[in-house]
Amino acid sequence: MSNTFGFVKTLFNSETGEFLGAHLIGPDVTEMISTFGLAISSESTEDEFINTVFAHPTLSESIHESVLSAFGKPLHF
């Protein structure tokens, strides 16, 4: 895409690990919203996000990277 603008921020309950929500800014982020909708409706946790395989190279990798970063385990810093 040759575009380096944007970010994904994920929020989790620190006691239960439950996914609470996300902030997405950048081009084509609307393509990733359904992932978060599914996570909310299924009451997903950070462990489920961490252990999910995200295709490479895709924009959805930023979801995985955001979760990993939140827990001090980023793959690409």
N, C-alpha and C. Protein backbone atom coordinates (compact mmCIF):
# COMPACT_ATOMS: atom_id res chain seq x y z
N MET A 1 0.82 -1.20 0.00
CA MET A 1 0.00 0.00 0.00
C MET A 1 0.85 1.25 0.00
N SER A 2 2.09 1.14 0.43
CA SER A 2 3.00 2.28 0.49
C SER A 2 2.46 3.41 1.36
N ASN A 3 1.71 3.05 2.39
CA ASN A 3 1.16 4.05 3.30
C ASN A 3 1.55 3.65 4.71
N THR A 4 2.23 4.53 5.41
CA THR A 4 2.69 4.22 6.77
C THR A 4 1.87 4.91 7.84
N PHE A 5 0.76 5.54 7.46
CA PHE A 5 -0.08 6.25 8.41
C PHE A 5 -1.14 5.31 8.99
N GLY A 6 -1.34 5.37 10.30
CA GLY A 6 -2.43 4.64 10.92
C GLY A 6 -1.98 3.89 12.16
N PHE A 7 -2.97 3.44 12.93
CA PHE A 7 -2.66 2.61 14.09
C PHE A 7 -3.89 1.83 14.53
N VAL A 8 -3.65 0.80 15.32
CA VAL A 8 -4.70 0.00 15.94
C VAL A 8 -4.39 -0.06 17.42
N LYS A 9 -5.38 0.24 18.24
CA LYS A 9 -5.24 0.17 19.69
C LYS A 9 -6.33 -0.77 20.21
N THR A 10 -5.94 -1.76 20.99
CA THR A 10 -6.91 -2.71 21.54
C THR A 10 -6.98 -2.56 23.05
N LEU A 11 -8.17 -2.75 23.60
CA LEU A 11 -8.40 -2.57 25.03
C LEU A 11 -8.94 -3.86 25.63
N PHE A 12 -8.37 -4.25 26.78
CA PHE A 12 -8.76 -5.48 27.47
C PHE A 12 -8.99 -5.21 28.94
N ASN A 13 -9.85 -5.99 29.56
CA ASN A 13 -10.05 -5.94 31.01
C ASN A 13 -8.81 -6.55 31.65
N SER A 14 -8.14 -5.79 32.52
CA SER A 14 -6.89 -6.27 33.11
C SER A 14 -7.08 -7.43 34.08
N GLU A 15 -8.29 -7.61 34.59
CA GLU A 15 -8.53 -8.71 35.53
C GLU A 15 -8.98 -9.99 34.83
N THR A 16 -9.85 -9.86 33.82
CA THR A 16 -10.41 -11.05 33.18
C THR A 16 -9.79 -11.34 31.82
N GLY A 17 -9.12 -10.36 31.23
CA GLY A 17 -8.55 -10.53 29.89
C GLY A 17 -9.56 -10.35 28.78
N GLU A 18 -10.82 -10.04 29.14
CA GLU A 18 -11.87 -9.90 28.12
C GLU A 18 -11.59 -8.70 27.22
N PHE A 19 -11.80 -8.89 25.92
CA PHE A 19 -11.66 -7.81 24.95
C PHE A 19 -12.77 -6.80 25.17
N LEU A 20 -12.42 -5.51 25.29
CA LEU A 20 -13.39 -4.45 25.54
C LEU A 20 -13.68 -3.59 24.32
N GLY A 21 -12.69 -3.40 23.47
CA GLY A 21 -12.91 -2.55 22.30
C GLY A 21 -11.61 -2.21 21.62
N ALA A 22 -11.72 -1.36 20.59
CA ALA A 22 -10.53 -0.99 19.81
C ALA A 22 -10.71 0.36 19.16
N HIS A 23 -9.59 0.97 18.85
CA HIS A 23 -9.54 2.21 18.08
C HIS A 23 -8.73 1.90 16.83
N LEU A 24 -9.24 2.29 15.67
CA LEU A 24 -8.53 2.08 14.41
C LEU A 24 -8.51 3.39 13.63
N ILE A 25 -7.33 3.77 13.17
CA ILE A 25 -7.20 4.97 12.35
C ILE A 25 -6.29 4.62 11.18
N GLY A 26 -6.72 4.96 9.97
CA GLY A 26 -5.89 4.75 8.80
C GLY A 26 -6.70 4.29 7.61
N PRO A 27 -6.03 4.15 6.48
CA PRO A 27 -6.73 3.72 5.27
C PRO A 27 -7.18 2.27 5.37
N ASP A 28 -8.37 2.00 4.90
CA ASP A 28 -8.93 0.65 4.82
C ASP A 28 -9.15 -0.05 6.17
N VAL A 29 -9.19 0.70 7.26
CA VAL A 29 -9.44 0.05 8.56
C VAL A 29 -10.85 -0.53 8.66
N THR A 30 -11.75 -0.04 7.83
CA THR A 30 -13.12 -0.58 7.86
C THR A 30 -13.12 -2.06 7.48
N GLU A 31 -12.10 -2.53 6.80
CA GLU A 31 -11.99 -3.94 6.44
C GLU A 31 -11.72 -4.82 7.67
N MET A 32 -11.30 -4.21 8.78
CA MET A 32 -10.94 -4.98 9.97
C MET A 32 -11.99 -4.92 11.09
N ILE A 33 -12.99 -4.08 10.93
CA ILE A 33 -13.97 -3.89 11.99
C ILE A 33 -14.73 -5.17 12.31
N SER A 34 -15.00 -5.99 11.32
CA SER A 34 -15.76 -7.22 11.56
C SER A 34 -15.03 -8.17 12.52
N THR A 35 -13.72 -8.16 12.48
CA THR A 35 -12.94 -8.99 13.42
C THR A 35 -13.24 -8.58 14.86
N PHE A 36 -13.31 -7.29 15.10
CA PHE A 36 -13.58 -6.81 16.45
C PHE A 36 -15.05 -7.03 16.84
N GLY A 37 -15.95 -6.93 15.88
CA GLY A 37 -17.36 -7.22 16.15
C GLY A 37 -17.55 -8.66 16.59
N LEU A 38 -16.89 -9.56 15.91
CA LEU A 38 -16.95 -10.97 16.28
C LEU A 38 -16.34 -11.21 17.66
N ALA A 39 -15.24 -10.53 17.94
CA ALA A 39 -14.57 -10.68 19.24
C ALA A 39 -15.46 -10.21 20.38
N ILE A 40 -16.17 -9.11 20.18
CA ILE A 40 -17.07 -8.59 21.21
C ILE A 40 -18.23 -9.56 21.43
N SER A 41 -18.84 -10.02 20.34
CA SER A 41 -20.02 -10.88 20.48
C SER A 41 -19.67 -12.26 21.06
N SER A 42 -18.44 -12.71 20.88
CA SER A 42 -18.05 -14.01 21.43
C SER A 42 -17.27 -13.89 22.74
N GLU A 43 -17.21 -12.67 23.28
CA GLU A 43 -16.52 -12.41 24.55
C GLU A 43 -15.09 -12.94 24.55
N SER A 44 -14.36 -12.60 23.50
CA SER A 44 -12.98 -13.07 23.34
C SER A 44 -12.06 -12.47 24.38
N THR A 45 -10.95 -13.17 24.61
CA THR A 45 -9.94 -12.72 25.57
C THR A 45 -8.63 -12.45 24.84
N GLU A 46 -7.68 -11.85 25.57
CA GLU A 46 -6.39 -11.57 24.95
C GLU A 46 -5.69 -12.87 24.53
N ASP A 47 -5.87 -13.94 25.29
CA ASP A 47 -5.24 -15.21 24.91
C ASP A 47 -5.73 -15.70 23.56
N GLU A 48 -7.00 -15.53 23.29
CA GLU A 48 -7.55 -15.95 22.00
C GLU A 48 -6.97 -15.12 20.86
N PHE A 49 -6.79 -13.82 21.09
CA PHE A 49 -6.17 -12.97 20.07
C PHE A 49 -4.71 -13.36 19.88
N ILE A 50 -4.00 -13.54 20.98
CA ILE A 50 -2.57 -13.86 20.91
C ILE A 50 -2.34 -15.17 20.17
N ASN A 51 -3.21 -16.14 20.36
CA ASN A 51 -3.03 -17.46 19.76
C ASN A 51 -3.70 -17.61 18.39
N THR A 52 -4.27 -16.54 17.86
CA THR A 52 -4.86 -16.57 16.53
C THR A 52 -3.79 -16.31 15.48
N VAL A 53 -3.84 -17.06 14.38
CA VAL A 53 -2.90 -16.84 13.29
C VAL A 53 -3.51 -15.81 12.33
N PHE A 54 -2.77 -14.74 12.10
CA PHE A 54 -3.19 -13.69 11.17
C PHE A 54 -2.35 -13.82 9.90
N ALA A 55 -3.00 -13.75 8.76
CA ALA A 55 -2.30 -13.91 7.48
C ALA A 55 -1.26 -12.82 7.27
N HIS A 56 -0.20 -13.17 6.55
CA HIS A 56 0.89 -12.25 6.25
C HIS A 56 1.14 -12.26 4.76
N PRO A 57 1.28 -11.14 4.13
CA PRO A 57 1.15 -9.78 4.63
C PRO A 57 -0.27 -9.28 4.45
N THR A 58 -0.88 -8.80 5.51
CA THR A 58 -2.22 -8.23 5.46
C THR A 58 -2.34 -7.08 6.46
N LEU A 59 -3.36 -6.27 6.27
CA LEU A 59 -3.63 -5.21 7.25
C LEU A 59 -4.04 -5.80 8.59
N SER A 60 -4.69 -6.96 8.57
CA SER A 60 -5.16 -7.55 9.83
C SER A 60 -4.02 -7.93 10.76
N GLU A 61 -2.81 -8.03 10.25
CA GLU A 61 -1.66 -8.27 11.13
C GLU A 61 -1.52 -7.18 12.19
N SER A 62 -1.99 -5.99 11.86
CA SER A 62 -1.89 -4.89 12.83
C SER A 62 -2.75 -5.16 14.06
N ILE A 63 -3.82 -5.93 13.92
CA ILE A 63 -4.64 -6.33 15.07
C ILE A 63 -3.79 -7.20 16.00
N HIS A 64 -3.18 -8.21 15.42
CA HIS A 64 -2.34 -9.13 16.20
C HIS A 64 -1.19 -8.38 16.86
N GLU A 65 -0.54 -7.52 16.10
CA GLU A 65 0.59 -6.77 16.63
C GLU A 65 0.16 -5.85 17.77
N SER A 66 -1.01 -5.25 17.66
CA SER A 66 -1.52 -4.38 18.71
C SER A 66 -1.73 -5.16 20.01
N VAL A 67 -2.31 -6.35 19.90
CA VAL A 67 -2.54 -7.18 21.09
C VAL A 67 -1.21 -7.63 21.68
N LEU A 68 -0.32 -8.10 20.84
CA LEU A 68 0.99 -8.54 21.33
C LEU A 68 1.73 -7.40 22.02
N SER A 69 1.67 -6.22 21.46
CA SER A 69 2.33 -5.04 22.04
C SER A 69 1.74 -4.69 23.39
N ALA A 70 0.41 -4.84 23.52
CA ALA A 70 -0.25 -4.52 24.79
C ALA A 70 0.26 -5.40 25.92
N PHE A 71 0.76 -6.56 25.56
CA PHE A 71 1.24 -7.50 26.58
C PHE A 71 2.74 -7.70 26.51
N GLY A 72 3.43 -6.69 25.89
CA GLY A 72 4.89 -6.69 25.86
C GLY A 72 5.53 -7.78 25.02
N LYS A 73 4.81 -8.25 23.99
CA LYS A 73 5.32 -9.33 23.15
C LYS A 73 5.25 -9.00 21.66
N PRO A 74 5.60 -7.79 21.24
CA PRO A 74 5.46 -7.45 19.81
C PRO A 74 6.38 -8.28 18.93
N LEU A 75 5.91 -8.63 17.74
CA LEU A 75 6.75 -9.32 16.76
C LEU A 75 7.57 -8.32 15.95
N HIS A 76 6.94 -7.23 15.57
CA HIS A 76 7.58 -6.20 14.76
C HIS A 76 7.45 -4.88 15.50
N PHE A 77 8.52 -4.35 15.93
CA PHE A 77 8.44 -3.10 16.70
C PHE A 77 8.81 -1.93 15.87
